[in-house]
PDB file of all heavy atoms in Angstrom:
ATOM      1  N   SER A   1     135.572 110.979  94.080  1.00  0.00           N
ATOM      2  CA  SER A   1     136.374 110.863  92.849  1.00  0.00           C
ATOM      3  C   SER A   1     135.655 111.656  91.792  1.00  0.00           C
ATOM      4  O   SER A   1     134.717 112.398  92.061  1.00  0.00           O
ATOM      5  CB  SER A   1     136.473 109.406  92.445  1.00  0.00           C
ATOM      6  OG  SER A   1     135.197 108.939  92.070  1.00  0.00           O
ATOM      7  N   ASN A   2     136.074 111.468  90.547  1.00  0.00           N
ATOM      8  CA  ASN A   2     135.398 112.134  89.452  1.00  0.00           C
ATOM      9  C   ASN A   2     134.245 111.384  88.892  1.00  0.00           C
ATOM     10  O   ASN A   2     133.588 111.839  87.933  1.00  0.00           O
ATOM     11  CB  ASN A   2     136.447 112.441  88.300  1.00  0.00           C
ATOM     12  CG  ASN A   2     137.466 113.446  88.741  1.00  0.00           C
ATOM     13  OD1 ASN A   2     137.175 114.409  89.467  1.00  0.00           O
ATOM     14  ND2 ASN A   2     138.693 113.314  88.283  1.00  0.00           N
ATOM     15  N   GLN A   3     133.976 110.192  89.428  1.00  0.00           N
ATOM     16  CA  GLN A   3     132.899 109.344  88.935  1.00  0.00           C
ATOM     17  C   GLN A   3     131.537 109.956  89.298  1.00  0.00           C
ATOM     18  O   GLN A   3     131.322 110.405  90.435  1.00  0.00           O
ATOM     19  CB  GLN A   3     133.020 107.958  89.477  1.00  0.00           C
ATOM     20  CG  GLN A   3     131.970 106.936  88.961  1.00  0.00           C
ATOM     21  CD  GLN A   3     132.090 105.569  89.473  1.00  0.00           C
ATOM     22  OE1 GLN A   3     133.088 105.266  90.165  1.00  0.00           O
ATOM     23  NE2 GLN A   3     131.127 104.721  89.192  1.00  0.00           N
ATOM     24  N   LEU A   4     130.592 109.874  88.387  1.00  0.00           N
ATOM     25  CA  LEU A   4     129.247 110.308  88.664  1.00  0.00           C
ATOM     26  C   LEU A   4     128.489 109.344  89.573  1.00  0.00           C
ATOM     27  O   LEU A   4     128.529 108.112  89.360  1.00  0.00           O
ATOM     28  CB  LEU A   4     128.449 110.470  87.345  1.00  0.00           C
ATOM     29  CG  LEU A   4     127.050 111.046  87.459  1.00  0.00           C
ATOM     30  CD1 LEU A   4     127.072 112.493  87.927  1.00  0.00           C
ATOM     31  CD2 LEU A   4     126.300 110.943  86.127  1.00  0.00           C
ATOM     32  N   PHE A   5     127.812 109.872  90.598  1.00  0.00           N
ATOM     33  CA  PHE A   5     127.005 109.075  91.458  1.00  0.00           C
ATOM     34  C   PHE A   5     125.527 109.637  91.440  1.00  0.00           C
ATOM     35  O   PHE A   5     125.363 110.839  91.516  1.00  0.00           O
ATOM     36  CB  PHE A   5     127.503 109.124  92.879  1.00  0.00           C
ATOM     37  CG  PHE A   5     128.533 108.145  93.243  1.00  0.00           C
ATOM     38  CD1 PHE A   5     129.798 108.208  92.700  1.00  0.00           C
ATOM     39  CD2 PHE A   5     128.276 107.077  94.073  1.00  0.00           C
ATOM     40  CE1 PHE A   5     130.719 107.252  92.993  1.00  0.00           C
ATOM     41  CE2 PHE A   5     129.175 106.103  94.350  1.00  0.00           C
ATOM     42  CZ  PHE A   5     130.478 106.205  93.823  1.00  0.00           C
ATOM     43  N   LEU A   6     124.627 108.756  91.291  1.00  0.00           N
ATOM     44  CA  LEU A   6     123.208 109.143  91.431  1.00  0.00           C
ATOM     45  C   LEU A   6     122.710 108.920  92.822  1.00  0.00           C
ATOM     46  O   LEU A   6     123.395 108.206  93.605  1.00  0.00           O
ATOM     47  CB  LEU A   6     122.317 108.294  90.477  1.00  0.00           C
ATOM     48  CG  LEU A   6     122.605 108.355  88.991  1.00  0.00           C
ATOM     49  CD1 LEU A   6     121.594 107.424  88.259  1.00  0.00           C
ATOM     50  CD2 LEU A   6     122.480 109.777  88.415  1.00  0.00           C
ATOM     51  N   THR A   7     121.694 109.569  93.215  1.00  0.00           N
ATOM     52  CA  THR A   7     120.970 109.229  94.426  1.00  0.00           C
ATOM     53  C   THR A   7     119.477 109.317  94.080  1.00  0.00           C
ATOM     54  O   THR A   7     119.113 109.557  92.910  1.00  0.00           O
ATOM     55  CB  THR A   7     121.357 110.131  95.624  1.00  0.00           C
ATOM     56  OG1 THR A   7     120.764 109.582  96.812  1.00  0.00           O
ATOM     57  CG2 THR A   7     120.935 111.554  95.435  1.00  0.00           C
ATOM     58  N   ASP A   8     118.609 109.119  95.042  1.00  0.00           N
ATOM     59  CA  ASP A   8     117.172 108.987  94.714  1.00  0.00           C
ATOM     60  C   ASP A   8     116.529 110.350  94.535  1.00  0.00           C
ATOM     61  O   ASP A   8     117.182 111.392  94.618  1.00  0.00           O
ATOM     62  CB  ASP A   8     116.413 108.131  95.761  1.00  0.00           C
ATOM     63  CG  ASP A   8     116.545 108.764  97.131  1.00  0.00           C
ATOM     64  OD1 ASP A   8     117.615 109.014  97.621  1.00  0.00           O
ATOM     65  OD2 ASP A   8     115.487 108.977  97.769  1.00  0.00           O
ATOM     66  N   GLY A   9     115.201 110.358  94.348  1.00  0.00           N
ATOM     67  CA  GLY A   9     114.433 111.557  94.186  1.00  0.00           C
ATOM     68  C   GLY A   9     113.769 112.012  95.490  1.00  0.00           C
ATOM     69  O   GLY A   9     114.323 111.805  96.569  1.00  0.00           O
ATOM     70  N   GLY A  10     112.594 112.565  95.343  1.00  0.00           N
ATOM     71  CA  GLY A  10     111.860 113.017  96.528  1.00  0.00           C
ATOM     72  C   GLY A  10     111.066 111.889  97.146  1.00  0.00           C
ATOM     73  O   GLY A  10     109.972 111.540  96.743  1.00  0.00           O
ATOM     74  N   ILE A  11     111.705 111.206  98.134  1.00  0.00           N
ATOM     75  CA  ILE A  11     111.091 109.986  98.661  1.00  0.00           C
ATOM     76  C   ILE A  11     109.666 110.247  99.234  1.00  0.00           C
ATOM     77  O   ILE A  11     108.766 109.474  99.009  1.00  0.00           O
ATOM     78  CB  ILE A  11     112.025 109.291  99.658  1.00  0.00           C
ATOM     79  CG1 ILE A  11     111.373 107.974 100.212  1.00  0.00           C
ATOM     80  CG2 ILE A  11     112.382 110.256 100.769  1.00  0.00           C
ATOM     81  CD1 ILE A  11     112.340 107.139 101.025  1.00  0.00           C
ATOM     82  N   GLU A  12     109.544 111.275 100.024  1.00  0.00           N
ATOM     83  CA  GLU A  12     108.268 111.504 100.713  1.00  0.00           C
ATOM     84  C   GLU A  12     107.163 111.867  99.704  1.00  0.00           C
ATOM     85  O   GLU A  12     106.071 111.312  99.785  1.00  0.00           O
ATOM     86  CB  GLU A  12     108.400 112.559 101.748  1.00  0.00           C
ATOM     87  CG  GLU A  12     109.256 112.201 102.971  1.00  0.00           C
ATOM     88  CD  GLU A  12     110.765 112.539 102.718  1.00  0.00           C
ATOM     89  OE1 GLU A  12     111.071 113.102 101.656  1.00  0.00           O
ATOM     90  OE2 GLU A  12     111.577 112.207 103.632  1.00  0.00           O
ATOM     91  N   THR A  13     107.475 112.785  98.728  1.00  0.00           N
ATOM     92  CA  THR A  13     106.382 113.126  97.798  1.00  0.00           C
ATOM     93  C   THR A  13     106.099 111.968  96.884  1.00  0.00           C
ATOM     94  O   THR A  13     104.922 111.813  96.458  1.00  0.00           O
ATOM     95  CB  THR A  13     106.856 114.344  96.974  1.00  0.00           C
ATOM     96  OG1 THR A  13     108.166 114.138  96.396  1.00  0.00           O
ATOM     97  CG2 THR A  13     106.930 115.591  97.819  1.00  0.00           C
ATOM     98  N   THR A  14     107.054 111.132  96.572  1.00  0.00           N
ATOM     99  CA  THR A  14     106.766 109.967  95.742  1.00  0.00           C
ATOM    100  C   THR A  14     105.850 108.952  96.484  1.00  0.00           C
ATOM    101  O   THR A  14     104.850 108.467  95.952  1.00  0.00           O
ATOM    102  CB  THR A  14     108.048 109.168  95.355  1.00  0.00           C
ATOM    103  OG1 THR A  14     108.823 110.041  94.518  1.00  0.00           O
ATOM    104  CG2 THR A  14     107.775 107.922  94.597  1.00  0.00           C
ATOM    105  N   LEU A  15     106.185 108.684  97.788  1.00  0.00           N
ATOM    106  CA  LEU A  15     105.418 107.751  98.532  1.00  0.00           C
ATOM    107  C   LEU A  15     103.991 108.283  98.823  1.00  0.00           C
ATOM    108  O   LEU A  15     103.016 107.532  98.792  1.00  0.00           O
ATOM    109  CB  LEU A  15     106.099 107.440  99.846  1.00  0.00           C
ATOM    110  CG  LEU A  15     107.379 106.677  99.738  1.00  0.00           C
ATOM    111  CD1 LEU A  15     108.153 106.622 101.095  1.00  0.00           C
ATOM    112  CD2 LEU A  15     107.112 105.249  99.243  1.00  0.00           C
ATOM    113  N   ILE A  16     103.824 109.577  98.952  1.00  0.00           N
ATOM    114  CA  ILE A  16     102.498 110.118  99.239  1.00  0.00           C
ATOM    115  C   ILE A  16     101.701 110.282  97.974  1.00  0.00           C
ATOM    116  O   ILE A  16     100.522 109.763  97.916  1.00  0.00           O
ATOM    117  CB  ILE A  16     102.691 111.512  99.914  1.00  0.00           C
ATOM    118  CG1 ILE A  16     103.274 111.408 101.320  1.00  0.00           C
ATOM    119  CG2 ILE A  16     101.270 112.227 100.026  1.00  0.00           C
ATOM    120  CD1 ILE A  16     103.668 112.721 101.948  1.00  0.00           C
ATOM    121  N   PHE A  17     102.235 110.945  96.986  1.00  0.00           N
ATOM    122  CA  PHE A  17     101.440 111.285  95.778  1.00  0.00           C
ATOM    123  C   PHE A  17     101.400 110.189  94.782  1.00  0.00           C
ATOM    124  O   PHE A  17     100.376 110.109  94.016  1.00  0.00           O
ATOM    125  CB  PHE A  17     101.947 112.598  95.175  1.00  0.00           C
ATOM    126  CG  PHE A  17     101.679 113.833  96.013  1.00  0.00           C
ATOM    127  CD1 PHE A  17     102.710 114.298  96.809  1.00  0.00           C
ATOM    128  CD2 PHE A  17     100.451 114.407  96.000  1.00  0.00           C
ATOM    129  CE1 PHE A  17     102.532 115.432  97.614  1.00  0.00           C
ATOM    130  CE2 PHE A  17     100.245 115.557  96.847  1.00  0.00           C
ATOM    131  CZ  PHE A  17     101.268 116.054  97.646  1.00  0.00           C
ATOM    132  N   HIS A  18     102.434 109.359  94.641  1.00  0.00           N
ATOM    133  CA  HIS A  18     102.404 108.358  93.610  1.00  0.00           C
ATOM    134  C   HIS A  18     102.050 106.988  94.182  1.00  0.00           C
ATOM    135  O   HIS A  18     101.433 106.157  93.459  1.00  0.00           O
ATOM    136  CB  HIS A  18     103.763 108.213  92.902  1.00  0.00           C
ATOM    137  CG  HIS A  18     104.154 109.468  92.152  1.00  0.00           C
ATOM    138  ND1 HIS A  18     103.310 110.019  91.207  1.00  0.00           N
ATOM    139  CD2 HIS A  18     105.324 110.174  92.141  1.00  0.00           C
ATOM    140  CE1 HIS A  18     103.920 111.079  90.668  1.00  0.00           C
ATOM    141  NE2 HIS A  18     105.139 111.200  91.175  1.00  0.00           N
ATOM    142  N   GLU A  19     102.377 106.729  95.450  1.00  0.00           N
ATOM    143  CA  GLU A  19     102.138 105.386  96.011  1.00  0.00           C
ATOM    144  C   GLU A  19     100.958 105.392  96.939  1.00  0.00           C
ATOM    145  O   GLU A  19     100.502 104.286  97.447  1.00  0.00           O
ATOM    146  CB  GLU A  19     103.358 104.877  96.754  1.00  0.00           C
ATOM    147  CG  GLU A  19     104.604 104.790  95.850  1.00  0.00           C
ATOM    148  CD  GLU A  19     104.457 103.759  94.700  1.00  0.00           C
ATOM    149  OE1 GLU A  19     103.667 102.798  94.897  1.00  0.00           O
ATOM    150  OE2 GLU A  19     105.022 103.961  93.648  1.00  0.00           O
ATOM    151  N   GLY A  20     100.434 106.546  97.346  1.00  0.00           N
ATOM    152  CA  GLY A  20      99.238 106.624  98.163  1.00  0.00           C
ATOM    153  C   GLY A  20      99.468 106.386  99.604  1.00  0.00           C
ATOM    154  O   GLY A  20      98.468 106.082 100.347  1.00  0.00           O
ATOM    155  N   HIS A  21     100.652 106.498 100.108  1.00  0.00           N
ATOM    156  CA  HIS A  21     100.933 106.267 101.569  1.00  0.00           C
ATOM    157  C   HIS A  21     100.585 107.500 102.328  1.00  0.00           C
ATOM    158  O   HIS A  21     100.752 108.658 101.921  1.00  0.00           O
ATOM    159  CB  HIS A  21     102.369 105.868 101.799  1.00  0.00           C
ATOM    160  CG  HIS A  21     102.729 104.513 101.291  1.00  0.00           C
ATOM    161  ND1 HIS A  21     102.302 103.378 101.940  1.00  0.00           N
ATOM    162  CD2 HIS A  21     103.450 104.100 100.211  1.00  0.00           C
ATOM    163  CE1 HIS A  21     102.779 102.296 101.343  1.00  0.00           C
ATOM    164  NE2 HIS A  21     103.440 102.696 100.246  1.00  0.00           N
ATOM    165  N   ASN A  22     100.169 107.306 103.576  1.00  0.00           N
ATOM    166  CA  ASN A  22      99.995 108.345 104.536  1.00  0.00           C
ATOM    167  C   ASN A  22     101.261 108.438 105.383  1.00  0.00           C
ATOM    168  O   ASN A  22     101.576 107.458 106.096  1.00  0.00           O
ATOM    169  CB  ASN A  22      98.794 108.132 105.431  1.00  0.00           C
ATOM    170  CG  ASN A  22      98.672 109.141 106.503  1.00  0.00           C
ATOM    171  OD1 ASN A  22      98.987 110.344 106.255  1.00  0.00           O
ATOM    172  ND2 ASN A  22      98.200 108.767 107.655  1.00  0.00           N
ATOM    173  N   LEU A  23     102.002 109.511 105.285  1.00  0.00           N
ATOM    174  CA  LEU A  23     103.257 109.686 106.026  1.00  0.00           C
ATOM    175  C   LEU A  23     103.024 110.795 107.026  1.00  0.00           C
ATOM    176  O   LEU A  23     103.192 112.014 106.712  1.00  0.00           O
ATOM    177  CB  LEU A  23     104.392 110.050 105.122  1.00  0.00           C
ATOM    178  CG  LEU A  23     104.795 109.047 103.988  1.00  0.00           C
ATOM    179  CD1 LEU A  23     106.025 109.548 103.241  1.00  0.00           C
ATOM    180  CD2 LEU A  23     105.009 107.682 104.541  1.00  0.00           C
ATOM    181  N   PRO A  24     102.700 110.494 108.283  1.00  0.00           N
ATOM    182  CA  PRO A  24     102.532 111.516 109.292  1.00  0.00           C
ATOM    183  C   PRO A  24     103.782 112.319 109.478  1.00  0.00           C
ATOM    184  O   PRO A  24     104.851 111.754 109.587  1.00  0.00           O
ATOM    185  CB  PRO A  24     102.100 110.721 110.541  1.00  0.00           C
ATOM    186  CG  PRO A  24     102.664 109.337 110.306  1.00  0.00           C
ATOM    187  CD  PRO A  24     102.534 109.116 108.835  1.00  0.00           C
ATOM    188  N   TYR A  25     103.670 113.629 109.456  1.00  0.00           N
ATOM    189  CA  TYR A  25     104.840 114.508 109.659  1.00  0.00           C
ATOM    190  C   TYR A  25     105.926 114.270 108.585  1.00  0.00           C
ATOM    191  O   TYR A  25     107.104 114.528 108.826  1.00  0.00           O
ATOM    192  CB  TYR A  25     105.452 114.384 111.035  1.00  0.00           C
ATOM    193  CG  TYR A  25     104.452 114.678 112.146  1.00  0.00           C
ATOM    194  CD1 TYR A  25     103.892 113.644 112.939  1.00  0.00           C
ATOM    195  CD2 TYR A  25     104.045 115.960 112.423  1.00  0.00           C
ATOM    196  CE1 TYR A  25     102.966 113.875 113.939  1.00  0.00           C
ATOM    197  CE2 TYR A  25     103.111 116.290 113.432  1.00  0.00           C
ATOM    198  CZ  TYR A  25     102.598 115.265 114.174  1.00  0.00           C
ATOM    199  OH  TYR A  25     101.677 115.496 115.173  1.00  0.00           O
ATOM    200  N   PHE A  26     105.520 113.756 107.437  1.00  0.00           N
ATOM    201  CA  PHE A  26     106.453 113.490 106.370  1.00  0.00           C
ATOM    202  C   PHE A  26     107.513 112.454 106.730  1.00  0.00           C
ATOM    203  O   PHE A  26     108.630 112.429 106.248  1.00  0.00           O
ATOM    204  CB  PHE A  26     107.171 114.835 105.947  1.00  0.00           C
ATOM    205  CG  PHE A  26     106.993 115.204 104.494  1.00  0.00           C
ATOM    206  CD1 PHE A  26     105.800 115.072 103.862  1.00  0.00           C
ATOM    207  CD2 PHE A  26     108.076 115.648 103.752  1.00  0.00           C
ATOM    208  CE1 PHE A  26     105.648 115.410 102.545  1.00  0.00           C
ATOM    209  CE2 PHE A  26     107.936 115.998 102.455  1.00  0.00           C
ATOM    210  CZ  PHE A  26     106.717 115.878 101.823  1.00  0.00           C
ATOM    211  N   ALA A  27     107.112 111.536 107.624  1.00  0.00           N
ATOM    212  CA  ALA A  27     108.033 110.536 108.209  1.00  0.00           C
ATOM    213  C   ALA A  27     108.003 109.265 107.459  1.00  0.00           C
ATOM    214  O   ALA A  27     107.240 108.352 107.718  1.00  0.00           O
ATOM    215  CB  ALA A  27     107.697 110.321 109.682  1.00  0.00           C
ATOM    216  N   ALA A  28     108.869 109.100 106.447  1.00  0.00           N
ATOM    217  CA  ALA A  28     108.937 107.850 105.628  1.00  0.00           C
ATOM    218  C   ALA A  28     109.350 106.710 106.492  1.00  0.00           C
ATOM    219  O   ALA A  28     108.962 105.552 106.215  1.00  0.00           O
ATOM    220  CB  ALA A  28     109.916 108.093 104.475  1.00  0.00           C
ATOM    221  N   TYR A  29     110.177 106.958 107.548  1.00  0.00           N
ATOM    222  CA  TYR A  29     110.626 105.800 108.351  1.00  0.00           C
ATOM    223  C   TYR A  29     109.474 105.058 109.026  1.00  0.00           C
ATOM    224  O   TYR A  29     109.597 103.898 109.402  1.00  0.00           O
ATOM    225  CB  TYR A  29     111.616 106.297 109.433  1.00  0.00           C
ATOM    226  CG  TYR A  29     110.987 106.794 110.698  1.00  0.00           C
ATOM    227  CD1 TYR A  29     110.709 105.942 111.749  1.00  0.00           C
ATOM    228  CD2 TYR A  29     110.662 108.178 110.860  1.00  0.00           C
ATOM    229  CE1 TYR A  29     110.126 106.396 112.929  1.00  0.00           C
ATOM    230  CE2 TYR A  29     110.086 108.650 112.021  1.00  0.00           C
ATOM    231  CZ  TYR A  29     109.821 107.734 113.092  1.00  0.00           C
ATOM    232  OH  TYR A  29     109.240 108.233 114.229  1.00  0.00           O
ATOM    233  N   ASP A  30     108.321 105.744 109.169  1.00  0.00           N
ATOM    234  CA  ASP A  30     107.123 105.120 109.798  1.00  0.00           C
ATOM    235  C   ASP A  30     106.730 103.811 109.091  1.00  0.00           C
ATOM    236  O   ASP A  30     106.161 102.911 109.651  1.00  0.00           O
ATOM    237  CB  ASP A  30     105.992 106.124 109.818  1.00  0.00           C
ATOM    238  CG  ASP A  30     104.847 105.721 110.745  1.00  0.00           C
ATOM    239  OD1 ASP A  30     105.150 105.536 111.911  1.00  0.00           O
ATOM    240  OD2 ASP A  30     103.709 105.635 110.270  1.00  0.00           O
ATOM    241  N   LEU A  31     107.025 103.760 107.767  1.00  0.00           N
ATOM    242  CA  LEU A  31     106.663 102.600 106.997  1.00  0.00           C
ATOM    243  C   LEU A  31     107.453 101.342 107.421  1.00  0.00           C
ATOM    244  O   LEU A  31     106.978 100.185 107.160  1.00  0.00           O
ATOM    245  CB  LEU A  31     106.883 102.826 105.452  1.00  0.00           C
ATOM    246  CG  LEU A  31     106.016 103.871 104.821  1.00  0.00           C
ATOM    247  CD1 LEU A  31     106.475 104.105 103.387  1.00  0.00           C
ATOM    248  CD2 LEU A  31     104.536 103.480 104.868  1.00  0.00           C
ATOM    249  N   LEU A  32     108.529 101.516 108.078  1.00  0.00           N
ATOM    250  CA  LEU A  32     109.376 100.385 108.537  1.00  0.00           C
ATOM    251  C   LEU A  32     108.772  99.573 109.623  1.00  0.00           C
ATOM    252  O   LEU A  32     109.174  98.482 109.921  1.00  0.00           O
ATOM    253  CB  LEU A  32     110.723 100.868 109.000  1.00  0.00           C
ATOM    254  CG  LEU A  32     111.711 101.396 107.900  1.00  0.00           C
ATOM    255  CD1 LEU A  32     112.870 102.141 108.585  1.00  0.00           C
ATOM    256  CD2 LEU A  32     112.228 100.318 107.036  1.00  0.00           C
ATOM    257  N   LYS A  33     107.667 100.083 110.167  1.00  0.00           N
ATOM    258  CA  LYS A  33     107.038  99.379 111.281  1.00  0.00           C
ATOM    259  C   LYS A  33     106.185  98.219 110.815  1.00  0.00           C
ATOM    260  O   LYS A  33     105.752  97.412 111.675  1.00  0.00           O
ATOM    261  CB  LYS A  33     106.144 100.416 112.079  1.00  0.00           C
ATOM    262  CG  LYS A  33     106.956 101.547 112.686  1.00  0.00           C
ATOM    263  CD  LYS A  33     105.997 102.613 113.274  1.00  0.00           C
ATOM    264  CE  LYS A  33     106.737 103.798 113.820  1.00  0.00           C
ATOM    265  NZ  LYS A  33     105.845 104.857 114.385  1.00  0.00           N
ATOM    266  N   GLN A  34     105.805  98.217 109.584  1.00  0.00           N
ATOM    267  CA  GLN A  34     104.955  97.159 109.061  1.00  0.00           C
ATOM    268  C   GLN A  34     105.617  96.476 107.825  1.00  0.00           C
ATOM    269  O   GLN A  34     106.321  97.135 107.034  1.00  0.00           O
ATOM    270  CB  GLN A  34     103.607  97.748 108.599  1.00  0.00           C
ATOM    271  CG  GLN A  34     102.827  98.392 109.723  1.00  0.00           C
ATOM    272  CD  GLN A  34     102.317  97.394 110.761  1.00  0.00           C
ATOM    273  OE1 GLN A  34     102.211  96.210 110.481  1.00  0.00           O
ATOM    274  NE2 GLN A  34     102.053  97.899 111.925  1.00  0.00           N
ATOM    275  N   PRO A  35     105.382  95.182 107.675  1.00  0.00           N
ATOM    276  CA  PRO A  35     106.018  94.509 106.469  1.00  0.00           C
ATOM    277  C   PRO A  35     105.677  95.146 105.148  1.00  0.00           C
ATOM    278  O   PRO A  35     106.508  95.218 104.281  1.00  0.00           O
ATOM    279  CB  PRO A  35     105.463  93.041 106.588  1.00  0.00           C
ATOM    280  CG  PRO A  35     105.188  92.888 108.045  1.00  0.00           C
ATOM    281  CD  PRO A  35     104.717  94.208 108.536  1.00  0.00           C
ATOM    282  N   PHE A  36     104.401  95.491 104.927  1.00  0.00           N
ATOM    283  CA  PHE A  36     104.030  96.077 103.638  1.00  0.00           C
ATOM    284  C   PHE A  36     104.702  97.406 103.410  1.00  0.00           C
ATOM    285  O   PHE A  36     105.079  97.760 102.320  1.00  0.00           O
ATOM    286  CB  PHE A  36     102.483  96.263 103.604  1.00  0.00           C
ATOM    287  CG  PHE A  36     101.952  97.440 104.227  1.00  0.00           C
ATOM    288  CD1 PHE A  36     101.848  98.667 103.599  1.00  0.00           C
ATOM    289  CD2 PHE A  36     101.600  97.402 105.632  1.00  0.00           C
ATOM    290  CE1 PHE A  36     101.339  99.783 104.247  1.00  0.00           C
ATOM    291  CE2 PHE A  36     101.099  98.528 106.228  1.00  0.00           C
ATOM    292  CZ  PHE A  36     100.952  99.699 105.561  1.00  0.00           C
ATOM    293  N   GLY A  37     104.947  98.174 104.547  1.00  0.00           N
ATOM    294  CA  GLY A  37     105.576  99.418 104.345  1.00  0.00           C
ATOM    295  C   GLY A  37     107.078  99.261 104.035  1.00  0.00           C
ATOM    296  O   GLY A  37     107.641  99.949 103.228  1.00  0.00           O
ATOM    297  N   THR A  38     107.722  98.290 104.731  1.00  0.00           N
ATOM    298  CA  THR A  38     109.118  97.924 104.432  1.00  0.00           C
ATOM    299  C   THR A  38     109.264  97.535 102.956  1.00  0.00           C
ATOM    300  O   THR A  38     110.226  97.916 102.298  1.00  0.00           O
ATOM    301  CB  THR A  38     109.597  96.837 105.314  1.00  0.00           C
ATOM    302  OG1 THR A  38     109.436  97.293 106.752  1.00  0.00           O
ATOM    303  CG2 THR A  38     111.082  96.517 105.093  1.00  0.00           C
ATOM    304  N   GLU A  39     108.349  96.784 102.509  1.00  0.00           N
ATOM    305  CA  GLU A  39     108.385  96.328 101.028  1.00  0.00           C
ATOM    306  C   GLU A  39     108.212  97.490 100.115  1.00  0.00           C
ATOM    307  O   GLU A  39     108.783  97.584  99.032  1.00  0.00           O
ATOM    308  CB  GLU A  39     107.396  95.248 100.793  1.00  0.00           C
ATOM    309  CG  GLU A  39     107.779  93.889 101.379  1.00  0.00           C
ATOM    310  CD  GLU A  39     109.159  93.478 100.991  1.00  0.00           C
ATOM    311  OE1 GLU A  39     109.524  93.438  99.794  1.00  0.00           O
ATOM    312  OE2 GLU A  39     110.034  93.245 101.906  1.00  0.00           O
ATOM    313  N   SER A  40     107.363  98.467 100.466  1.00  0.00           N
ATOM    314  CA  SER A  40     107.170  99.679  99.689  1.00  0.00           C
ATOM    315  C   SER A  40     108.498 100.416  99.595  1.00  0.00           C
ATOM    316  O   SER A  40     108.868 100.971  98.542  1.00  0.00           O
ATOM    317  CB  SER A  40     106.078 100.554 100.267  1.00  0.00           C
ATOM    318  OG  SER A  40     104.825  99.924 100.165  1.00  0.00           O
ATOM    319  N   LEU A  41     109.210 100.579 100.770  1.00  0.00           N
ATOM    320  CA  LEU A  41     110.471 101.230 100.728  1.00  0.00           C
ATOM    321  C   LEU A  41     111.486 100.485  99.893  1.00  0.00           C
ATOM    322  O   LEU A  41     112.310 101.059  99.161  1.00  0.00           O
ATOM    323  CB  LEU A  41     111.001 101.394 102.127  1.00  0.00           C
ATOM    324  CG  LEU A  41     110.241 102.422 102.970  1.00  0.00           C
ATOM    325  CD1 LEU A  41     110.705 102.427 104.429  1.00  0.00           C
ATOM    326  CD2 LEU A  41     110.450 103.854 102.421  1.00  0.00           C
ATOM    327  N   ARG A  42     111.502  99.124 100.029  1.00  0.00           N
ATOM    328  CA  ARG A  42     112.418  98.337  99.175  1.00  0.00           C
ATOM    329  C   ARG A  42     112.162  98.527  97.731  1.00  0.00           C
ATOM    330  O   ARG A  42     113.133  98.760  96.957  1.00  0.00           O
ATOM    331  CB  ARG A  42     112.221  96.830  99.553  1.00  0.00           C
ATOM    332  CG  ARG A  42     113.216  95.917  98.812  1.00  0.00           C
ATOM    333  CD  ARG A  42     112.865  94.483  99.005  1.00  0.00           C
ATOM    334  NE  ARG A  42     112.821  94.106 100.431  1.00  0.00           N
ATOM    335  CZ  ARG A  42     113.848  93.818 101.194  1.00  0.00           C
ATOM    336  NH1 ARG A  42     115.048  93.757 100.613  1.00  0.00           N
ATOM    337  NH2 ARG A  42     113.698  93.490 102.486  1.00  0.00           N
ATOM    338  N   LYS A  43     110.908  98.530  97.279  1.00  0.00           N
ATOM    339  CA  LYS A  43     110.565  98.797  95.893  1.00  0.00           C
ATOM    340  C   LYS A  43     111.007 100.153  95.444  1.00  0.00           C
ATOM    341  O   LYS A  43     111.553 100.327  94.384  1.00  0.00           O
ATOM    342  CB  LYS A  43     109.063  98.606  95.750  1.00  0.00           C
ATOM    343  CG  LYS A  43     108.553  98.939  94.315  1.00  0.00           C
ATOM    344  CD  LYS A  43     107.033  98.913  94.259  1.00  0.00           C
ATOM    345  CE  LYS A  43     106.522  99.289  92.886  1.00  0.00           C
ATOM    346  NZ  LYS A  43     105.048  99.326  92.818  1.00  0.00           N
TER     347      LYS A  43
END
């Protein structure tokens, strides 16, 4: 439609450089394997 939709920013660079996560091969989905990682993605 004509309505504006936002989406997110650079998830991998945010998680690596701002949140201090190690993302092997730039793989953000790897965080889903642990509860703390899932909560980081939720946040």
